[in-house]
Amino acid sequence: MLTKEDITRRLTERGYNRAPTSWEYADEYDLGSCYFYILTIKRTHTVVVVDRPTYEFLATLKLSGVILGKDRKSADFRKFKEKNASGSYIGFFVNFETLSAFDSFIAALTGEEDTLSSDIEAITNSSSLTATQKQTLVYARVGQGAFRAGLVDVWDGKCAVTGVSVRELLRASHVKPWASSTDEERLDIHNGLLLVANLDAAFDKHLISFTDSGEMLLSDALGADGHAVLGVSSDARLRKPLTLQQKAYLTEHRSRLR
C-alpha cells in the first residue's frame, strides 16, 4: 500500500496542495469536483477518506488497484455533508496498491480520464489518418513519443522554468489546448513547454502563463502567495528566449488566464 509520503508527493506533482483549513489529524485536499482527506491511523497505516457519493461512484468504476474499505466517523471531515446522530461526519476509506492506481483515482474524480479516453478514441476512429499518424497523435496526447522528445531536446531535458531534470517529473504540456488544435499543431514542438508536474497542471488549467519575454504570469485564483503555492521564486520565468512561433501560441494562452 502507498504511504502518506507517496500520496502527498504525487499530489504535489499534480499541482494539489494541503488545504490551509486542514485539522491536525486529517489533511484536506480540494480537487475542484470533490474533497478528500489523508488520514494516518496508529502512525503506520495511511488511507484516503472520501464522502459517500464519491465512494459509491468509485464502487461503480472498479478501478484496478483501488481498494474500498470501511466507513469512518470524525469531526475532522468538515467538507463532507453526511453526519451521524452524534454530529460526526461520515467518510469511507480508500487504499491504493500502486501510484498508477492512485493516478487513476485522481483522474476519475477530476474527469481527466474521460477526456483522455475520448480524445484517443476520436484519433483511433478517424478515417482521415493513417495507422502511423494515429499512433503518433496518440503518443502526443499522452505526452510521449516525438512531441515529448522534441520538447526534451528544446529545453535540454530540464523544466522550462525550474531547471528540474528528473525525467519522471517532467510533462510535455501543450500551449494551445489539444481539443482546439489541428493535428499539425498537436505535434508542433513550438506548441509545447516542458514543465515539472505541478507547473504543468497550473499551466493546463490557465492558472499560470508567460509573457513574450518569458516572465511568469499568475492567476488571481492562486492568491497573494501564488509563487509559494507553486514552489517557485517570485522572479520565476522561462529559462530560454521564445521563438516567434512559441510567442504566437502563448498569446492565445495568456488570453485565457483565469
C-alpha atoms as a PDB file:
ATOM      1  CA  MET A   1       0.000   0.000   0.000  1.00  0.00           C
ATOM      2  CA  LEU A   2       1.085   3.591  -0.550  1.00  0.00           C
ATOM      3  CA  THR A   3       2.494   5.661   2.300  1.00  0.00           C
ATOM      4  CA  LYS A   4       1.408   9.187   3.185  1.00  0.00           C
ATOM      5  CA  GLU A   5       4.659  10.446   1.646  1.00  0.00           C
ATOM      6  CA  ASP A   6       3.891   8.623  -1.624  1.00  0.00           C
ATOM      7  CA  ILE A   7       0.425  10.167  -1.837  1.00  0.00           C
ATOM      8  CA  THR A   8       1.330  13.728  -0.838  1.00  0.00           C
ATOM      9  CA  ARG A   9       4.313  13.767  -3.186  1.00  0.00           C
ATOM     10  CA  ARG A  10       2.132  12.674  -6.101  1.00  0.00           C
ATOM     11  CA  LEU A  11      -0.495  15.281  -5.230  1.00  0.00           C
ATOM     12  CA  THR A  12       2.182  17.991  -5.197  1.00  0.00           C
ATOM     13  CA  GLU A  13       3.455  16.818  -8.575  1.00  0.00           C
ATOM     14  CA  ARG A  14      -0.069  17.159  -9.957  1.00  0.00           C
ATOM     15  CA  GLY A  15      -0.490  20.665  -8.541  1.00  0.00           C
ATOM     16  CA  TYR A  16      -2.614  19.898  -5.464  1.00  0.00           C
ATOM     17  CA  ASN A  17      -1.631  21.160  -2.021  1.00  0.00           C
ATOM     18  CA  ARG A  18      -2.884  20.547   1.518  1.00  0.00           C
ATOM     19  CA  ALA A  19      -5.715  22.957   2.293  1.00  0.00           C
ATOM     20  CA  PRO A  20      -4.903  25.568   4.975  1.00  0.00           C
ATOM     21  CA  THR A  21      -8.215  24.683   6.651  1.00  0.00           C
ATOM     22  CA  SER A  22      -6.986  21.140   7.417  1.00  0.00           C
ATOM     23  CA  TRP A  23      -7.213  19.967  11.000  1.00  0.00           C
ATOM     24  CA  GLU A  24      -4.310  18.315  12.786  1.00  0.00           C
ATOM     25  CA  TYR A  25      -5.187  14.680  12.105  1.00  0.00           C
ATOM     26  CA  ALA A  26      -6.736  14.916   8.636  1.00  0.00           C
ATOM     27  CA  ASP A  27      -5.037  16.561   5.634  1.00  0.00           C
ATOM     28  CA  GLU A  28      -7.724  18.101   3.448  1.00  0.00           C
ATOM     29  CA  TYR A  29      -7.439  18.293  -0.353  1.00  0.00           C
ATOM     30  CA  ASP A  30      -9.736  20.065  -2.806  1.00  0.00           C
ATOM     31  CA  LEU A  31      -9.908  18.544  -6.303  1.00  0.00           C
ATOM     32  CA  GLY A  32     -12.409  21.115  -7.507  1.00  0.00           C
ATOM     33  CA  SER A  33     -15.029  18.425  -8.046  1.00  0.00           C
ATOM     34  CA  CYS A  34     -14.842  16.991  -4.511  1.00  0.00           C
ATOM     35  CA  TYR A  35     -12.866  16.924  -1.275  1.00  0.00           C
ATOM     36  CA  PHE A  36     -10.956  14.094   0.346  1.00  0.00           C
ATOM     37  CA  TYR A  37      -8.756  13.615   3.402  1.00  0.00           C
ATOM     38  CA  ILE A  38      -5.491  11.792   4.066  1.00  0.00           C
ATOM     39  CA  LEU A  39      -5.532  10.057   7.420  1.00  0.00           C
ATOM     40  CA  THR A  40      -2.760   8.170   9.221  1.00  0.00           C
ATOM     41  CA  ILE A  41      -4.013   5.533  11.632  1.00  0.00           C
ATOM     42  CA  LYS A  42      -1.800   4.395  14.531  1.00  0.00           C
ATOM     43  CA  ARG A  43       1.142   6.173  12.846  1.00  0.00           C
ATOM     44  CA  THR A  44       1.669   3.340  10.371  1.00  0.00           C
ATOM     45  CA  HIS A  45      -1.420   2.929   8.197  1.00  0.00           C
ATOM     46  CA  THR A  46      -2.365   5.615   5.666  1.00  0.00           C
ATOM     47  CA  VAL A  47      -5.763   5.881   3.999  1.00  0.00           C
ATOM     48  CA  VAL A  48      -7.634   8.385   1.883  1.00  0.00           C
ATOM     49  CA  VAL A  49     -11.133   9.201   3.122  1.00  0.00           C
ATOM     50  CA  VAL A  50     -13.925  10.179   0.698  1.00  0.00           C
ATOM     51  CA  ASP A  51     -17.603  11.012   1.177  1.00  0.00           C
ATOM     52  CA  ARG A  52     -20.425   8.603   0.382  1.00  0.00           C
ATOM     53  CA  PRO A  53     -21.225   9.877  -3.152  1.00  0.00           C
ATOM     54  CA  THR A  54     -17.553   9.603  -4.133  1.00  0.00           C
ATOM     55  CA  TYR A  55     -17.294   6.157  -2.534  1.00  0.00           C
ATOM     56  CA  GLU A  56     -20.344   4.910  -4.416  1.00  0.00           C
ATOM     57  CA  PHE A  57     -19.018   6.396  -7.671  1.00  0.00           C
ATOM     58  CA  LEU A  58     -15.700   4.576  -7.194  1.00  0.00           C
ATOM     59  CA  ALA A  59     -17.570   1.349  -6.461  1.00  0.00           C
ATOM     60  CA  THR A  60     -19.180   1.518  -9.902  1.00  0.00           C
ATOM     61  CA  LEU A  61     -15.818   2.066 -11.633  1.00  0.00           C
ATOM     62  CA  LYS A  62     -13.969  -0.849 -10.017  1.00  0.00           C
ATOM     63  CA  LEU A  63     -10.564   0.721 -10.708  1.00  0.00           C
ATOM     64  CA  SER A  64      -7.659  -1.717 -10.667  1.00  0.00           C
ATOM     65  CA  GLY A  65      -5.537  -1.345  -7.529  1.00  0.00           C
ATOM     66  CA  VAL A  66      -8.040   0.963  -5.800  1.00  0.00           C
ATOM     67  CA  ILE A  67      -9.301  -0.766  -2.650  1.00  0.00           C
ATOM     68  CA  LEU A  68     -12.512   0.413  -1.000  1.00  0.00           C
ATOM     69  CA  GLY A  69     -12.709  -0.033   2.771  1.00  0.00           C
ATOM     70  CA  LYS A  70     -14.937   0.594   5.762  1.00  0.00           C
ATOM     71  CA  ASP A  71     -16.615   3.754   6.982  1.00  0.00           C
ATOM     72  CA  ARG A  72     -15.120   6.217   9.476  1.00  0.00           C
ATOM     73  CA  LYS A  73     -16.701   8.943  11.612  1.00  0.00           C
ATOM     74  CA  SER A  74     -14.763  12.053  12.547  1.00  0.00           C
ATOM     75  CA  ALA A  75     -15.255  15.745  13.311  1.00  0.00           C
ATOM     76  CA  ASP A  76     -12.248  16.395  11.029  1.00  0.00           C
ATOM     77  CA  PHE A  77     -14.082  15.670   7.771  1.00  0.00           C
ATOM     78  CA  ARG A  78     -15.740  19.093   7.740  1.00  0.00           C
ATOM     79  CA  LYS A  79     -16.267  19.302   3.965  1.00  0.00           C
ATOM     80  CA  PHE A  80     -18.479  16.190   3.939  1.00  0.00           C
ATOM     81  CA  LYS A  81     -22.231  16.674   4.205  1.00  0.00           C
ATOM     82  CA  GLU A  82     -23.326  13.409   5.820  1.00  0.00           C
ATOM     83  CA  LYS A  83     -23.321  13.173   9.638  1.00  0.00           C
ATOM     84  CA  ASN A  84     -24.292  10.525  12.173  1.00  0.00           C
ATOM     85  CA  ALA A  85     -26.613  11.059  15.176  1.00  0.00           C
ATOM     86  CA  SER A  86     -23.789  12.451  17.321  1.00  0.00           C
ATOM     87  CA  GLY A  87     -22.836  15.067  14.713  1.00  0.00           C
ATOM     88  CA  SER A  88     -19.636  13.449  13.397  1.00  0.00           C
ATOM     89  CA  TYR A  89     -19.012  13.498   9.650  1.00  0.00           C
ATOM     90  CA  ILE A  90     -19.102  10.167   7.816  1.00  0.00           C
ATOM     91  CA  GLY A  91     -16.377   9.155   5.373  1.00  0.00           C
ATOM     92  CA  PHE A  92     -15.117   5.958   3.746  1.00  0.00           C
ATOM     93  CA  PHE A  93     -11.615   4.514   3.495  1.00  0.00           C
ATOM     94  CA  VAL A  94      -9.834   4.106   0.154  1.00  0.00           C
ATOM     95  CA  ASN A  95      -6.416   2.469  -0.301  1.00  0.00           C
ATOM     96  CA  PHE A  96      -4.085   2.133  -3.278  1.00  0.00           C
ATOM     97  CA  GLU A  97      -1.783  -0.693  -4.265  1.00  0.00           C
ATOM     98  CA  THR A  98       0.336   1.447  -6.626  1.00  0.00           C
ATOM     99  CA  LEU A  99       0.882   5.048  -7.714  1.00  0.00           C
ATOM    100  CA  SER A 100      -0.747   4.141 -11.009  1.00  0.00           C
ATOM    101  CA  ALA A 101      -3.899   3.179  -9.106  1.00  0.00           C
ATOM    102  CA  PHE A 102      -3.812   6.498  -7.250  1.00  0.00           C
ATOM    103  CA  ASP A 103      -3.407   8.339 -10.577  1.00  0.00           C
ATOM    104  CA  SER A 104      -6.497   6.516 -11.882  1.00  0.00           C
ATOM    105  CA  PHE A 105      -8.382   7.572  -8.745  1.00  0.00           C
ATOM    106  CA  ILE A 106      -7.488  11.255  -9.272  1.00  0.00           C
ATOM    107  CA  ALA A 107      -8.228  11.089 -12.993  1.00  0.00           C
ATOM    108  CA  ALA A 108     -11.653   9.571 -12.350  1.00  0.00           C
ATOM    109  CA  LEU A 109     -12.601  12.244  -9.801  1.00  0.00           C
ATOM    110  CA  THR A 110     -11.382  15.176 -11.896  1.00  0.00           C
ATOM    111  CA  GLY A 111     -12.702  13.932 -15.234  1.00  0.00           C
ATOM    112  CA  GLU A 112      -9.216  13.826 -16.770  1.00  0.00           C
ATOM    113  CA  GLU A 113      -9.569  10.155 -17.599  1.00  0.00           C
ATOM    114  CA  ASP A 114     -12.782  10.678 -19.574  1.00  0.00           C
ATOM    115  CA  THR A 115     -11.209  13.472 -21.642  1.00  0.00           C
ATOM    116  CA  LEU A 116      -8.097  11.445 -22.381  1.00  0.00           C
ATOM    117  CA  SER A 117     -10.076   8.362 -23.335  1.00  0.00           C
ATOM    118  CA  SER A 118     -12.440  10.274 -25.611  1.00  0.00           C
ATOM    119  CA  ASP A 119      -9.576  12.058 -27.371  1.00  0.00           C
ATOM    120  CA  ILE A 120      -7.746   8.789 -28.001  1.00  0.00           C
ATOM    121  CA  GLU A 121     -10.973   7.175 -29.219  1.00  0.00           C
ATOM    122  CA  ALA A 122     -11.509  10.062 -31.662  1.00  0.00           C
ATOM    123  CA  ILE A 123      -7.994   9.601 -33.051  1.00  0.00           C
ATOM    124  CA  THR A 124      -8.409   5.844 -33.370  1.00  0.00           C
ATOM    125  CA  ASN A 125     -11.735   6.158 -35.187  1.00  0.00           C
ATOM    126  CA  SER A 126     -10.581   8.873 -37.599  1.00  0.00           C
ATOM    127  CA  SER A 127     -10.912   7.824 -41.225  1.00  0.00           C
ATOM    128  CA  SER A 128      -8.561  10.552 -42.488  1.00  0.00           C
ATOM    129  CA  LEU A 129      -5.444   9.342 -40.647  1.00  0.00           C
ATOM    130  CA  THR A 130      -3.043   6.518 -41.429  1.00  0.00           C
ATOM    131  CA  ALA A 131      -2.118   3.968 -38.777  1.00  0.00           C
ATOM    132  CA  THR A 132       1.244   5.688 -38.296  1.00  0.00           C
ATOM    133  CA  GLN A 133      -0.376   9.101 -37.920  1.00  0.00           C
ATOM    134  CA  LYS A 134      -2.837   7.720 -35.390  1.00  0.00           C
ATOM    135  CA  GLN A 135      -0.038   6.219 -33.308  1.00  0.00           C
ATOM    136  CA  THR A 136       1.950   9.458 -33.434  1.00  0.00           C
ATOM    137  CA  LEU A 137      -1.048  11.513 -32.306  1.00  0.00           C
ATOM    138  CA  VAL A 138      -1.934   9.096 -29.508  1.00  0.00           C
ATOM    139  CA  TYR A 139       1.634   9.295 -28.212  1.00  0.00           C
ATOM    140  CA  ALA A 140       1.466  13.097 -28.362  1.00  0.00           C
ATOM    141  CA  ARG A 141      -1.841  13.113 -26.469  1.00  0.00           C
ATOM    142  CA  VAL A 142      -0.416  11.144 -23.554  1.00  0.00           C
ATOM    143  CA  GLY A 143       2.793  13.165 -23.538  1.00  0.00           C
ATOM    144  CA  GLN A 144       5.087  10.594 -25.105  1.00  0.00           C
ATOM    145  CA  GLY A 145       6.774   9.949 -28.433  1.00  0.00           C
ATOM    146  CA  ALA A 146       8.172  12.531 -30.819  1.00  0.00           C
ATOM    147  CA  PHE A 147       6.356  15.521 -29.275  1.00  0.00           C
ATOM    148  CA  ARG A 148       7.830  14.905 -25.835  1.00  0.00           C
ATOM    149  CA  ALA A 149      11.235  14.025 -27.281  1.00  0.00           C
ATOM    150  CA  GLY A 150      11.247  17.293 -29.216  1.00  0.00           C
ATOM    151  CA  LEU A 151      10.488  19.302 -26.082  1.00  0.00           C
ATOM    152  CA  VAL A 152      13.150  17.432 -24.127  1.00  0.00           C
ATOM    153  CA  ASP A 153      15.627  18.424 -26.828  1.00  0.00           C
ATOM    154  CA  VAL A 154      14.484  22.061 -26.968  1.00  0.00           C
ATOM    155  CA  TRP A 155      14.713  22.500 -23.191  1.00  0.00           C
ATOM    156  CA  ASP A 156      17.850  20.399 -22.685  1.00  0.00           C
ATOM    157  CA  GLY A 157      15.979  17.773 -20.704  1.00  0.00           C
ATOM    158  CA  LYS A 158      15.028  20.260 -17.987  1.00  0.00           C
ATOM    159  CA  CYS A 159      11.871  22.035 -16.858  1.00  0.00           C
ATOM    160  CA  ALA A 160      11.458  25.222 -18.891  1.00  0.00           C
ATOM    161  CA  VAL A 161      11.115  27.201 -15.642  1.00  0.00           C
ATOM    162  CA  THR A 162      12.743  25.446 -12.692  1.00  0.00           C
ATOM    163  CA  GLY A 163      15.533  23.539 -14.425  1.00  0.00           C
ATOM    164  CA  VAL A 164      14.497  20.271 -12.743  1.00  0.00           C
ATOM    165  CA  SER A 165      15.983  17.426 -14.790  1.00  0.00           C
ATOM    166  CA  VAL A 166      14.267  14.363 -13.264  1.00  0.00           C
ATOM    167  CA  ARG A 167      12.530  12.946 -16.342  1.00  0.00           C
ATOM    168  CA  GLU A 168       9.769  11.248 -14.327  1.00  0.00           C
ATOM    169  CA  LEU A 169       8.642  14.651 -13.011  1.00  0.00           C
ATOM    170  CA  LEU A 170       8.544  16.395 -16.385  1.00  0.00           C
ATOM    171  CA  ARG A 171       5.430  16.761 -18.541  1.00  0.00           C
ATOM    172  CA  ALA A 172       5.068  17.647 -22.222  1.00  0.00           C
ATOM    173  CA  SER A 173       2.455  20.383 -21.947  1.00  0.00           C
ATOM    174  CA  HIS A 174       0.547  21.762 -24.934  1.00  0.00           C
ATOM    175  CA  VAL A 175       0.202  25.572 -25.053  1.00  0.00           C
ATOM    176  CA  LYS A 176      -2.824  25.666 -27.338  1.00  0.00           C
ATOM    177  CA  PRO A 177      -5.280  23.137 -25.881  1.00  0.00           C
ATOM    178  CA  TRP A 178      -5.374  19.738 -27.542  1.00  0.00           C
ATOM    179  CA  ALA A 179      -9.103  19.968 -28.196  1.00  0.00           C
ATOM    180  CA  SER A 180      -8.821  23.191 -30.214  1.00  0.00           C
ATOM    181  CA  SER A 181      -5.566  22.346 -32.047  1.00  0.00           C
ATOM    182  CA  THR A 182      -5.239  20.912 -35.534  1.00  0.00           C
ATOM    183  CA  ASP A 183      -3.386  17.629 -35.934  1.00  0.00           C
ATOM    184  CA  GLU A 184      -0.368  19.608 -37.141  1.00  0.00           C
ATOM    185  CA  GLU A 185      -0.467  21.903 -34.101  1.00  0.00           C
ATOM    186  CA  ARG A 186      -0.758  18.914 -31.781  1.00  0.00           C
ATOM    187  CA  LEU A 187       2.640  17.712 -32.989  1.00  0.00           C
ATOM    188  CA  ASP A 188       4.286  21.145 -33.270  1.00  0.00           C
ATOM    189  CA  ILE A 189       7.004  21.439 -30.602  1.00  0.00           C
ATOM    190  CA  HIS A 190       6.543  25.226 -30.657  1.00  0.00           C
ATOM    191  CA  ASN A 191       3.090  24.479 -29.215  1.00  0.00           C
ATOM    192  CA  GLY A 192       4.582  22.972 -26.095  1.00  0.00           C
ATOM    193  CA  LEU A 193       6.571  23.531 -22.940  1.00  0.00           C
ATOM    194  CA  LEU A 194       8.457  21.005 -20.845  1.00  0.00           C
ATOM    195  CA  LEU A 195       7.273  21.634 -17.299  1.00  0.00           C
ATOM    196  CA  VAL A 196       7.605  19.996 -13.916  1.00  0.00           C
ATOM    197  CA  ALA A 197       4.312  18.328 -12.998  1.00  0.00           C
ATOM    198  CA  ASN A 198       2.814  20.945 -10.676  1.00  0.00           C
ATOM    199  CA  LEU A 199       3.540  23.762 -13.165  1.00  0.00           C
ATOM    200  CA  ASP A 200       2.130  21.638 -15.981  1.00  0.00           C
ATOM    201  CA  ALA A 201      -1.118  21.257 -14.020  1.00  0.00           C
ATOM    202  CA  ALA A 202      -1.294  25.009 -13.353  1.00  0.00           C
ATOM    203  CA  PHE A 203      -0.462  25.836 -16.992  1.00  0.00           C
ATOM    204  CA  ASP A 204      -3.077  23.395 -18.303  1.00  0.00           C
ATOM    205  CA  LYS A 205      -5.763  24.988 -16.092  1.00  0.00           C
ATOM    206  CA  HIS A 206      -4.684  28.523 -17.136  1.00  0.00           C
ATOM    207  CA  LEU A 207      -3.564  29.398 -13.624  1.00  0.00           C
ATOM    208  CA  ILE A 208      -0.187  30.493 -14.996  1.00  0.00           C
ATOM    209  CA  SER A 209       1.059  31.763 -18.344  1.00  0.00           C
ATOM    210  CA  PHE A 210       4.076  33.618 -19.722  1.00  0.00           C
ATOM    211  CA  THR A 211       4.814  36.948 -21.398  1.00  0.00           C
ATOM    212  CA  ASP A 212       6.686  37.126 -24.701  1.00  0.00           C
ATOM    213  CA  SER A 213       9.834  37.919 -22.720  1.00  0.00           C
ATOM    214  CA  GLY A 214       9.333  34.837 -20.534  1.00  0.00           C
ATOM    215  CA  GLU A 215       8.075  36.260 -17.227  1.00  0.00           C
ATOM    216  CA  MET A 216       5.602  34.015 -15.414  1.00  0.00           C
ATOM    217  CA  LEU A 217       2.071  35.388 -15.016  1.00  0.00           C
ATOM    218  CA  LEU A 218      -0.112  34.118 -12.170  1.00  0.00           C
ATOM    219  CA  SER A 219      -3.874  33.909 -11.910  1.00  0.00           C
ATOM    220  CA  ASP A 220      -5.548  35.769  -9.049  1.00  0.00           C
ATOM    221  CA  ALA A 221      -7.045  32.388  -8.127  1.00  0.00           C
ATOM    222  CA  LEU A 222      -3.643  31.357  -6.713  1.00  0.00           C
ATOM    223  CA  GLY A 223      -3.831  34.113  -4.111  1.00  0.00           C
ATOM    224  CA  ALA A 224      -1.251  36.580  -2.867  1.00  0.00           C
ATOM    225  CA  ASP A 225       1.299  33.832  -2.191  1.00  0.00           C
ATOM    226  CA  GLY A 226       0.864  32.151  -5.575  1.00  0.00           C
ATOM    227  CA  HIS A 227       4.594  31.725  -6.169  1.00  0.00           C
ATOM    228  CA  ALA A 228       4.962  29.936  -2.838  1.00  0.00           C
ATOM    229  CA  VAL A 229       1.939  27.750  -3.622  1.00  0.00           C
ATOM    230  CA  LEU A 230       3.665  26.665  -6.833  1.00  0.00           C
ATOM    231  CA  GLY A 231       7.045  26.263  -5.151  1.00  0.00           C
ATOM    232  CA  VAL A 232       8.845  28.781  -7.380  1.00  0.00           C
ATOM    233  CA  SER A 233      10.617  32.072  -6.729  1.00  0.00           C
ATOM    234  CA  SER A 234       8.876  35.409  -7.189  1.00  0.00           C
ATOM    235  CA  ASP A 235      11.011  36.094 -10.269  1.00  0.00           C
ATOM    236  CA  ALA A 236      10.263  32.737 -11.940  1.00  0.00           C
ATOM    237  CA  ARG A 237      10.499  32.848 -15.727  1.00  0.00           C
ATOM    238  CA  LEU A 238      11.276  30.715 -18.772  1.00  0.00           C
ATOM    239  CA  ARG A 239      14.939  29.771 -18.993  1.00  0.00           C
ATOM    240  CA  LYS A 240      15.296  30.492 -22.724  1.00  0.00           C
ATOM    241  CA  PRO A 241      14.114  33.225 -25.125  1.00  0.00           C
ATOM    242  CA  LEU A 242      10.956  32.328 -27.018  1.00  0.00           C
ATOM    243  CA  THR A 243      10.751  31.849 -30.771  1.00  0.00           C
ATOM    244  CA  LEU A 244       8.194  33.744 -32.833  1.00  0.00           C
ATOM    245  CA  GLN A 245       6.130  30.561 -33.148  1.00  0.00           C
ATOM    246  CA  GLN A 246       6.142  29.986 -29.386  1.00  0.00           C
ATOM    247  CA  LYS A 247       5.071  33.585 -28.791  1.00  0.00           C
ATOM    248  CA  ALA A 248       2.154  33.183 -31.165  1.00  0.00           C
ATOM    249  CA  TYR A 249       0.830  30.188 -29.245  1.00  0.00           C
ATOM    250  CA  LEU A 250       1.336  31.906 -25.886  1.00  0.00           C
ATOM    251  CA  THR A 251      -0.618  34.975 -26.979  1.00  0.00           C
ATOM    252  CA  GLU A 252      -3.775  32.864 -27.094  1.00  0.00           C
ATOM    253  CA  HIS A 253      -2.881  31.061 -23.865  1.00  0.00           C
ATOM    254  CA  ARG A 254      -2.435  34.343 -21.972  1.00  0.00           C
ATOM    255  CA  SER A 255      -5.868  35.495 -23.064  1.00  0.00           C
ATOM    256  CA  ARG A 256      -7.378  32.614 -21.088  1.00  0.00           C
ATOM    257  CA  LEU A 257      -5.508  33.280 -17.832  1.00  0.00           C
ATOM    258  CA  ARG A 258      -8.103  32.909 -15.084  1.00  0.00           C
END
